[in-house]
PDB file of N, CA and C in Angstrom:
ATOM      1  N   UNK A   1     176.178 186.061 259.239  1.00  0.00           N
ATOM      2  CA  UNK A   1     176.220 184.640 259.493  1.00  0.00           C
ATOM      3  C   UNK A   1     176.807 184.401 260.885  1.00  0.00           C
ATOM      4  N   UNK A   2     176.139 183.611 261.661  1.00  0.00           N
ATOM      5  CA  UNK A   2     176.676 183.342 262.997  1.00  0.00           C
ATOM      6  C   UNK A   2     177.560 182.101 262.981  1.00  0.00           C
ATOM      7  N   UNK A   3     178.190 181.848 264.079  1.00  0.00           N
ATOM      8  CA  UNK A   3     179.156 180.749 264.160  1.00  0.00           C
ATOM      9  C   UNK A   3     178.483 179.394 263.993  1.00  0.00           C
ATOM     10  N   UNK A   4     177.284 179.225 264.474  1.00  0.00           N
ATOM     11  CA  UNK A   4     176.564 177.960 264.366  1.00  0.00           C
ATOM     12  C   UNK A   4     176.338 177.600 262.897  1.00  0.00           C
ATOM     13  N   UNK A   5     175.937 178.548 262.102  1.00  0.00           N
ATOM     14  CA  UNK A   5     175.697 178.311 260.686  1.00  0.00           C
ATOM     15  C   UNK A   5     176.994 177.954 259.970  1.00  0.00           C
ATOM     16  N   UNK A   6     178.095 178.595 260.316  1.00  0.00           N
ATOM     17  CA  UNK A   6     179.384 178.273 259.708  1.00  0.00           C
ATOM     18  C   UNK A   6     179.779 176.839 259.997  1.00  0.00           C
ATOM     19  N   UNK A   7     179.586 176.413 261.219  1.00  0.00           N
ATOM     20  CA  UNK A   7     179.947 175.040 261.598  1.00  0.00           C
ATOM     21  C   UNK A   7     179.073 174.047 260.856  1.00  0.00           C
ATOM     22  N   UNK A   8     177.791 174.329 260.749  1.00  0.00           N
ATOM     23  CA  UNK A   8     176.886 173.432 260.019  1.00  0.00           C
ATOM     24  C   UNK A   8     177.281 173.352 258.551  1.00  0.00           C
ATOM     25  N   UNK A   9     177.642 174.475 257.960  1.00  0.00           N
ATOM     26  CA  UNK A   9     178.059 174.497 256.558  1.00  0.00           C
ATOM     27  C   UNK A   9     179.322 173.663 256.353  1.00  0.00           C
ATOM     28  N   UNK A  10     180.290 173.832 257.229  1.00  0.00           N
ATOM     29  CA  UNK A  10     181.548 173.090 257.117  1.00  0.00           C
ATOM     30  C   UNK A  10     181.289 171.593 257.306  1.00  0.00           C
ATOM     31  N   UNK A  11     180.440 171.245 258.257  1.00  0.00           N
ATOM     32  CA  UNK A  11     180.131 169.831 258.507  1.00  0.00           C
ATOM     33  C   UNK A  11     179.432 169.225 257.291  1.00  0.00           C
ATOM     34  N   UNK A  12     178.441 169.928 256.722  1.00  0.00           N
ATOM     35  CA  UNK A  12     177.744 169.424 255.543  1.00  0.00           C
ATOM     36  C   UNK A  12     178.707 169.237 254.381  1.00  0.00           C
ATOM     37  N   UNK A  13     179.625 170.161 254.218  1.00  0.00           N
ATOM     38  CA  UNK A  13     180.632 170.063 253.166  1.00  0.00           C
ATOM     39  C   UNK A  13     181.523 168.840 253.389  1.00  0.00           C
ATOM     40  N   UNK A  14     181.923 168.627 254.625  1.00  0.00           N
ATOM     41  CA  UNK A  14     182.761 167.479 254.970  1.00  0.00           C
ATOM     42  C   UNK A  14     182.047 166.168 254.680  1.00  0.00           C
ATOM     43  N   UNK A  15     180.778 166.073 255.046  1.00  0.00           N
ATOM     44  CA  UNK A  15     180.002 164.854 254.805  1.00  0.00           C
ATOM     45  C   UNK A  15     179.858 164.613 253.308  1.00  0.00           C
ATOM     46  N   UNK A  16     179.642 165.664 252.526  1.00  0.00           N
ATOM     47  CA  UNK A  16     179.529 165.509 251.076  1.00  0.00           C
ATOM     48  C   UNK A  16     180.825 164.983 250.473  1.00  0.00           C
ATOM     49  N   UNK A  17     181.949 165.452 250.947  1.00  0.00           N
ATOM     50  CA  UNK A  17     183.245 164.978 250.439  1.00  0.00           C
ATOM     51  C   UNK A  17     183.440 163.509 250.802  1.00  0.00           C
ATOM     52  N   UNK A  18     183.121 163.133 252.016  1.00  0.00           N
ATOM     53  CA  UNK A  18     183.246 161.730 252.424  1.00  0.00           C
ATOM     54  C   UNK A  18     182.360 160.839 251.575  1.00  0.00           C
ATOM     55  N   UNK A  19     181.130 161.267 251.336  1.00  0.00           N
ATOM     56  CA  UNK A  19     180.182 160.492 250.534  1.00  0.00           C
ATOM     57  C   UNK A  19     180.705 160.308 249.117  1.00  0.00           C
ATOM     58  N   UNK A  20     181.231 161.369 248.524  1.00  0.00           N
ATOM     59  CA  UNK A  20     181.766 161.297 247.169  1.00  0.00           C
ATOM     60  C   UNK A  20     182.982 160.378 247.105  1.00  0.00           C
ATOM     61  N   UNK A  21     183.874 160.490 248.063  1.00  0.00           N
ATOM     62  CA  UNK A  21     185.068 159.649 248.074  1.00  0.00           C
ATOM     63  C   UNK A  21     184.729 158.176 248.240  1.00  0.00           C
ATOM     64  N   UNK A  22     183.689 157.869 248.978  1.00  0.00           N
ATOM     65  CA  UNK A  22     183.327 156.468 249.186  1.00  0.00           C
ATOM     66  C   UNK A  22     182.941 155.788 247.874  1.00  0.00           C
ATOM     67  N   UNK A  23     182.473 156.558 246.889  1.00  0.00           N
ATOM     68  CA  UNK A  23     182.130 155.982 245.599  1.00  0.00           C
ATOM     69  C   UNK A  23     183.282 156.035 244.602  1.00  0.00           C
ATOM     70  N   UNK A  24     184.211 156.947 244.774  1.00  0.00           N
ATOM     71  CA  UNK A  24     185.280 157.141 243.790  1.00  0.00           C
ATOM     72  C   UNK A  24     186.546 156.361 244.104  1.00  0.00           C
ATOM     73  N   UNK A  25     186.811 156.122 245.356  1.00  0.00           N
ATOM     74  CA  UNK A  25     188.050 155.471 245.758  1.00  0.00           C
ATOM     75  C   UNK A  25     187.744 154.033 246.160  1.00  0.00           C
ATOM     76  N   UNK A  26     188.359 153.069 245.497  1.00  0.00           N
ATOM     77  CA  UNK A  26     188.110 151.680 245.881  1.00  0.00           C
ATOM     78  C   UNK A  26     188.612 151.413 247.295  1.00  0.00           C
ATOM     79  N   UNK A  27     187.790 150.758 248.093  1.00  0.00           N
ATOM     80  CA  UNK A  27     188.178 150.478 249.472  1.00  0.00           C
ATOM     81  C   UNK A  27     188.852 149.122 249.600  1.00  0.00           C
ATOM     82  N   UNK A  28     188.571 148.230 248.682  1.00  0.00           N
ATOM     83  CA  UNK A  28     189.198 146.919 248.730  1.00  0.00           C
ATOM     84  C   UNK A  28     190.577 147.006 248.102  1.00  0.00           C
ATOM     85  N   UNK A  29     191.520 146.355 248.731  1.00  0.00           N
ATOM     86  CA  UNK A  29     192.880 146.399 248.207  1.00  0.00           C
ATOM     87  C   UNK A  29     193.201 145.119 247.459  1.00  0.00           C
ATOM     88  N   UNK A  30     194.314 145.114 246.827  1.00  0.00           N
ATOM     89  CA  UNK A  30     194.778 143.949 246.105  1.00  0.00           C
ATOM     90  C   UNK A  30     195.333 142.963 247.117  1.00  0.00           C
ATOM     91  N   UNK A  31     194.937 141.716 246.976  1.00  0.00           N
ATOM     92  CA  UNK A  31     195.427 140.715 247.910  1.00  0.00           C
ATOM     93  C   UNK A  31     196.781 140.183 247.455  1.00  0.00           C
ATOM     94  N   UNK A  32     197.545 139.600 248.364  1.00  0.00           N
ATOM     95  CA  UNK A  32     198.859 139.062 247.990  1.00  0.00           C
ATOM     96  C   UNK A  32     198.770 137.931 246.966  1.00  0.00           C
ATOM     97  N   UNK A  33     197.611 137.291 246.879  1.00  0.00           N
ATOM     98  CA  UNK A  33     197.451 136.179 245.930  1.00  0.00           C
ATOM     99  C   UNK A  33     197.198 136.659 244.503  1.00  0.00           C
ATOM    100  N   UNK A  34     196.844 137.917 244.345  1.00  0.00           N
ATOM    101  CA  UNK A  34     196.579 138.449 243.010  1.00  0.00           C
ATOM    102  C   UNK A  34     197.863 138.538 242.209  1.00  0.00           C
ATOM    103  N   UNK A  35     197.715 138.431 240.898  1.00  0.00           N
ATOM    104  CA  UNK A  35     198.869 138.558 240.023  1.00  0.00           C
ATOM    105  C   UNK A  35     199.408 139.977 240.077  1.00  0.00           C
ATOM    106  N   UNK A  36     200.640 140.151 239.677  1.00  0.00           N
ATOM    107  CA  UNK A  36     201.327 141.436 239.821  1.00  0.00           C
ATOM    108  C   UNK A  36     200.665 142.554 239.016  1.00  0.00           C
ATOM    109  N   UNK A  37     200.061 142.234 237.872  1.00  0.00           N
ATOM    110  CA  UNK A  37     199.489 143.268 237.020  1.00  0.00           C
ATOM    111  C   UNK A  37     198.062 143.656 237.424  1.00  0.00           C
ATOM    112  N   UNK A  38     197.502 143.015 238.435  1.00  0.00           N
ATOM    113  CA  UNK A  38     196.154 143.347 238.892  1.00  0.00           C
ATOM    114  C   UNK A  38     196.248 144.518 239.864  1.00  0.00           C
ATOM    115  N   UNK A  39     195.896 145.691 239.374  1.00  0.00           N
ATOM    116  CA  UNK A  39     195.902 146.890 240.209  1.00  0.00           C
ATOM    117  C   UNK A  39     194.501 147.077 240.791  1.00  0.00           C
ATOM    118  N   UNK A  40     194.345 147.945 241.770  1.00  0.00           N
ATOM    119  CA  UNK A  40     193.002 148.189 242.299  1.00  0.00           C
ATOM    120  C   UNK A  40     192.015 148.654 241.216  1.00  0.00           C
ATOM    121  N   UNK A  41     192.475 149.474 240.267  1.00  0.00           N
ATOM    122  CA  UNK A  41     191.592 149.919 239.188  1.00  0.00           C
ATOM    123  C   UNK A  41     191.153 148.749 238.317  1.00  0.00           C
ATOM    124  N   UNK A  42     192.090 147.877 237.955  1.00  0.00           N
ATOM    125  CA  UNK A  42     191.755 146.723 237.120  1.00  0.00           C
ATOM    126  C   UNK A  42     190.768 145.827 237.862  1.00  0.00           C
ATOM    127  N   UNK A  43     190.961 145.663 239.159  1.00  0.00           N
ATOM    128  CA  UNK A  43     190.069 144.827 239.951  1.00  0.00           C
ATOM    129  C   UNK A  43     188.648 145.390 239.957  1.00  0.00           C
ATOM    130  N   UNK A  44     188.518 146.700 240.087  1.00  0.00           N
ATOM    131  CA  UNK A  44     187.201 147.344 240.064  1.00  0.00           C
ATOM    132  C   UNK A  44     186.556 147.164 238.690  1.00  0.00           C
ATOM    133  N   UNK A  45     187.350 147.341 237.634  1.00  0.00           N
ATOM    134  CA  UNK A  45     186.815 147.187 236.280  1.00  0.00           C
ATOM    135  C   UNK A  45     186.392 145.750 236.006  1.00  0.00           C
ATOM    136  N   UNK A  46     187.132 144.776 236.513  1.00  0.00           N
ATOM    137  CA  UNK A  46     186.743 143.375 236.334  1.00  0.00           C
ATOM    138  C   UNK A  46     185.425 143.078 237.042  1.00  0.00           C
ATOM    139  N   UNK A  47     185.246 143.628 238.240  1.00  0.00           N
ATOM    140  CA  UNK A  47     183.976 143.446 238.947  1.00  0.00           C
ATOM    141  C   UNK A  47     182.823 144.072 238.157  1.00  0.00           C
ATOM    142  N   UNK A  48     183.071 145.249 237.599  1.00  0.00           N
ATOM    143  CA  UNK A  48     182.053 145.928 236.797  1.00  0.00           C
ATOM    144  C   UNK A  48     181.704 145.090 235.576  1.00  0.00           C
ATOM    145  N   UNK A  49     182.714 144.563 234.897  1.00  0.00           N
ATOM    146  CA  UNK A  49     182.472 143.722 233.716  1.00  0.00           C
ATOM    147  C   UNK A  49     181.650 142.500 234.088  1.00  0.00           C
ATOM    148  N   UNK A  50     182.002 141.847 235.194  1.00  0.00           N
ATOM    149  CA  UNK A  50     181.262 140.654 235.629  1.00  0.00           C
ATOM    150  C   UNK A  50     179.811 140.994 235.947  1.00  0.00           C
ATOM    151  N   UNK A  51     179.601 142.130 236.604  1.00  0.00           N
ATOM    152  CA  UNK A  51     178.238 142.547 236.949  1.00  0.00           C
ATOM    153  C   UNK A  51     177.411 142.781 235.687  1.00  0.00           C
ATOM    154  N   UNK A  52     178.011 143.437 234.690  1.00  0.00           N
ATOM    155  CA  UNK A  52     177.305 143.702 233.442  1.00  0.00           C
ATOM    156  C   UNK A  52     177.019 142.414 232.677  1.00  0.00           C
ATOM    157  N   UNK A  53     177.971 141.490 232.661  1.00  0.00           N
ATOM    158  CA  UNK A  53     177.766 140.216 231.955  1.00  0.00           C
ATOM    159  C   UNK A  53     176.637 139.421 232.606  1.00  0.00           C
ATOM    160  N   UNK A  54     176.613 139.387 233.927  1.00  0.00           N
ATOM    161  CA  UNK A  54     175.546 138.656 234.617  1.00  0.00           C
ATOM    162  C   UNK A  54     174.186 139.287 234.367  1.00  0.00           C
ATOM    163  N   UNK A  55     174.165 140.577 234.141  1.00  0.00           N
ATOM    164  CA  UNK A  55     172.915 141.279 233.859  1.00  0.00           C
ATOM    165  C   UNK A  55     172.511 141.236 232.398  1.00  0.00           C
ATOM    166  N   UNK A  56     173.313 140.605 231.555  1.00  0.00           N
ATOM    167  CA  UNK A  56     172.981 140.475 230.147  1.00  0.00           C
ATOM    168  C   UNK A  56     173.307 141.705 229.323  1.00  0.00           C
ATOM    169  N   UNK A  57     174.078 142.623 229.864  1.00  0.00           N
ATOM    170  CA  UNK A  57     174.435 143.858 229.156  1.00  0.00           C
ATOM    171  C   UNK A  57     175.829 143.691 228.547  1.00  0.00           C
ATOM    172  N   UNK A  58     175.897 142.839 227.530  1.00  0.00           N
ATOM    173  CA  UNK A  58     177.182 142.434 226.952  1.00  0.00           C
ATOM    174  C   UNK A  58     177.871 143.559 226.191  1.00  0.00           C
ATOM    175  N   UNK A  59     177.118 144.456 225.560  1.00  0.00           N
ATOM    176  CA  UNK A  59     177.744 145.555 224.822  1.00  0.00           C
ATOM    177  C   UNK A  59     178.493 146.484 225.779  1.00  0.00           C
ATOM    178  N   UNK A  60     177.859 146.770 226.921  1.00  0.00           N
ATOM    179  CA  UNK A  60     178.509 147.627 227.911  1.00  0.00           C
ATOM    180  C   UNK A  60     179.709 146.912 228.534  1.00  0.00           C
ATOM    181  N   UNK A  61     179.595 145.593 228.707  1.00  0.00           N
ATOM    182  CA  UNK A  61     180.709 144.816 229.251  1.00  0.00           C
ATOM    183  C   UNK A  61     181.897 144.848 228.297  1.00  0.00           C
ATOM    184  N   UNK A  62     181.624 144.832 226.994  1.00  0.00           N
ATOM    185  CA  UNK A  62     182.704 144.901 226.004  1.00  0.00           C
ATOM    186  C   UNK A  62     183.439 146.242 226.083  1.00  0.00           C
ATOM    187  N   UNK A  63     182.695 147.321 226.382  1.00  0.00           N
ATOM    188  CA  UNK A  63     183.336 148.629 226.537  1.00  0.00           C
ATOM    189  C   UNK A  63     184.273 148.636 227.747  1.00  0.00           C
ATOM    190  N   UNK A  64     183.855 147.970 228.815  1.00  0.00           N
ATOM    191  CA  UNK A  64     184.703 147.887 230.015  1.00  0.00           C
ATOM    192  C   UNK A  64     185.948 147.061 229.713  1.00  0.00           C
ATOM    193  N   UNK A  65     185.789 146.012 228.909  1.00  0.00           N
ATOM    194  CA  UNK A  65     186.937 145.182 228.520  1.00  0.00           C
ATOM    195  C   UNK A  65     187.961 146.025 227.766  1.00  0.00           C
ATOM    196  N   UNK A  66     187.493 146.915 226.914  1.00  0.00           N
ATOM    197  CA  UNK A  66     188.415 147.794 226.176  1.00  0.00           C
ATOM    198  C   UNK A  66     189.185 148.702 227.136  1.00  0.00           C
ATOM    199  N   UNK A  67     188.532 149.158 228.206  1.00  0.00           N
ATOM    200  CA  UNK A  67     189.222 149.985 229.195  1.00  0.00           C
ATOM    201  C   UNK A  67     190.254 149.172 229.962  1.00  0.00           C
ATOM    202  N   UNK A  68     189.941 147.895 230.214  1.00  0.00           N
ATOM    203  CA  UNK A  68     190.892 147.032 230.921  1.00  0.00           C
ATOM    204  C   UNK A  68     192.122 146.782 230.060  1.00  0.00           C
ATOM    205  N   UNK A  69     191.894 146.527 228.780  1.00  0.00           N
ATOM    206  CA  UNK A  69     193.020 146.257 227.878  1.00  0.00           C
ATOM    207  C   UNK A  69     193.880 147.482 227.745  1.00  0.00           C
TER     208      UNK A  69
END
């Protein structure tokens, strides 16, 4: 393996990690106006519940509500 291939492999690995993190880690933070118990995870789950309710997928939204509780 030459040095060029090693660099390409490391770069591809780095890009894959960045791509994965962009979906797993919430980028929006809690605003100062939010109540004290609203954590970033709860905020993400509330958005998910709202999206499911608007789409008419109420059973799945109920499962998200159980995770929030």
